[in-house]
């Protein structure tokens, strides 16, 4: 137990922003990250509006189907459990 506390203290000390030699994010690093993220987003091939609507319909339909299936299973298991506990 003592070793665990010692180890967690070491890691907490390493992760602490006030720890000796801690790396602090600079504005340049944040700006570089945002610029590179924007550049990567420009490379993405976005789906068309038609594709987005079609795929959204698939997701809604499958979600509805799975919901009905789970509801059916719930009903069957509830009836089965009621039957088993009644006898």
Protein backbone atom coordinates (compact mmCIF):
# COMPACT_ATOMS: atom_id res chain seq x y z
CA UNK A 1 0.00 0.00 0.00
CA UNK A 2 2.83 2.35 0.84
CA UNK A 3 4.52 1.67 -2.50
CA UNK A 4 1.31 2.47 -4.36
CA UNK A 5 1.01 5.80 -2.57
CA UNK A 6 4.67 6.55 -3.31
CA UNK A 7 4.25 5.73 -7.01
CA UNK A 8 1.06 7.76 -7.34
CA UNK A 9 2.82 10.66 -5.59
CA UNK A 10 5.69 10.45 -8.11
CA UNK A 11 3.29 10.53 -11.04
CA UNK A 12 1.23 13.31 -9.54
CA UNK A 13 4.41 15.29 -9.04
CA UNK A 14 5.45 14.65 -12.65
CA UNK A 15 2.08 15.71 -14.01
CA UNK A 16 1.78 18.77 -11.82
CA UNK A 17 2.25 22.02 -13.77
CA UNK A 18 4.30 23.38 -10.89
CA UNK A 19 6.69 20.45 -10.96
CA UNK A 20 10.31 21.22 -11.65
CA UNK A 21 10.98 21.18 -15.39
CA UNK A 22 7.28 20.86 -16.28
CA UNK A 23 6.45 21.61 -19.89
CA UNK A 24 3.90 24.34 -20.35
CA UNK A 25 2.06 24.79 -23.64
CA UNK A 26 3.15 27.88 -25.44
CA UNK A 27 0.99 30.00 -27.71
CA UNK A 28 3.17 28.96 -30.66
CA UNK A 29 2.49 25.27 -30.07
CA UNK A 30 -1.24 25.83 -29.79
CA UNK A 31 -1.25 27.96 -32.94
CA UNK A 32 0.79 25.34 -34.82
CA UNK A 33 -1.66 22.63 -33.71
CA UNK A 34 -4.69 24.64 -34.84
CA UNK A 35 -3.14 25.49 -38.22
CA UNK A 36 -2.14 21.87 -38.87
CA UNK A 37 -5.60 20.67 -37.82
CA UNK A 38 -7.20 23.11 -40.23
CA UNK A 39 -4.91 21.93 -43.03
CA UNK A 40 -5.88 18.30 -42.35
CA UNK A 41 -9.59 19.20 -42.36
CA UNK A 42 -9.18 20.72 -45.84
CA UNK A 43 -7.92 17.32 -47.08
CA UNK A 44 -11.04 15.47 -45.90
CA UNK A 45 -13.45 14.27 -48.58
CA UNK A 46 -16.81 15.24 -47.15
CA UNK A 47 -19.94 13.30 -48.22
CA UNK A 48 -22.55 15.00 -50.36
CA UNK A 49 -25.85 16.15 -48.91
CA UNK A 50 -27.60 13.25 -50.65
CA UNK A 51 -25.20 10.71 -49.14
CA UNK A 52 -25.53 12.27 -45.69
CA UNK A 53 -29.33 12.07 -45.79
CA UNK A 54 -29.21 8.47 -47.09
CA UNK A 55 -26.76 7.31 -44.43
CA UNK A 56 -28.68 9.13 -41.69
CA UNK A 57 -31.80 7.25 -42.81
CA UNK A 58 -29.89 3.96 -42.50
CA UNK A 59 -28.75 4.82 -38.99
CA UNK A 60 -32.28 5.78 -37.90
CA UNK A 61 -33.76 2.64 -39.50
CA UNK A 62 -31.22 0.28 -37.93
CA UNK A 63 -31.62 1.98 -34.55
CA UNK A 64 -35.39 1.59 -34.77
CA UNK A 65 -35.03 -2.08 -35.78
CA UNK A 66 -32.65 -2.85 -32.93
CA UNK A 67 -34.98 -1.05 -30.53
CA UNK A 68 -37.91 -3.20 -31.66
CA UNK A 69 -35.81 -6.35 -31.32
CA UNK A 70 -34.73 -5.44 -27.79
CA UNK A 71 -38.33 -4.58 -26.90
CA UNK A 72 -39.46 -7.99 -28.21
CA UNK A 73 -36.76 -9.79 -26.21
CA UNK A 74 -37.72 -7.84 -23.10
CA UNK A 75 -41.36 -8.83 -23.54
CA UNK A 76 -40.51 -12.51 -24.09
CA UNK A 77 -38.16 -12.70 -21.12
CA UNK A 78 -40.66 -10.88 -18.86
CA UNK A 79 -43.41 -13.36 -19.81
CA UNK A 80 -41.01 -16.30 -19.35
CA UNK A 81 -39.88 -15.06 -15.94
CA UNK A 82 -43.49 -14.46 -14.87
CA UNK A 83 -44.40 -17.98 -15.98
CA UNK A 84 -41.45 -19.55 -14.15
CA UNK A 85 -42.04 -17.64 -10.92
CA UNK A 86 -45.81 -18.30 -10.93
CA UNK A 87 -45.34 -22.08 -11.02
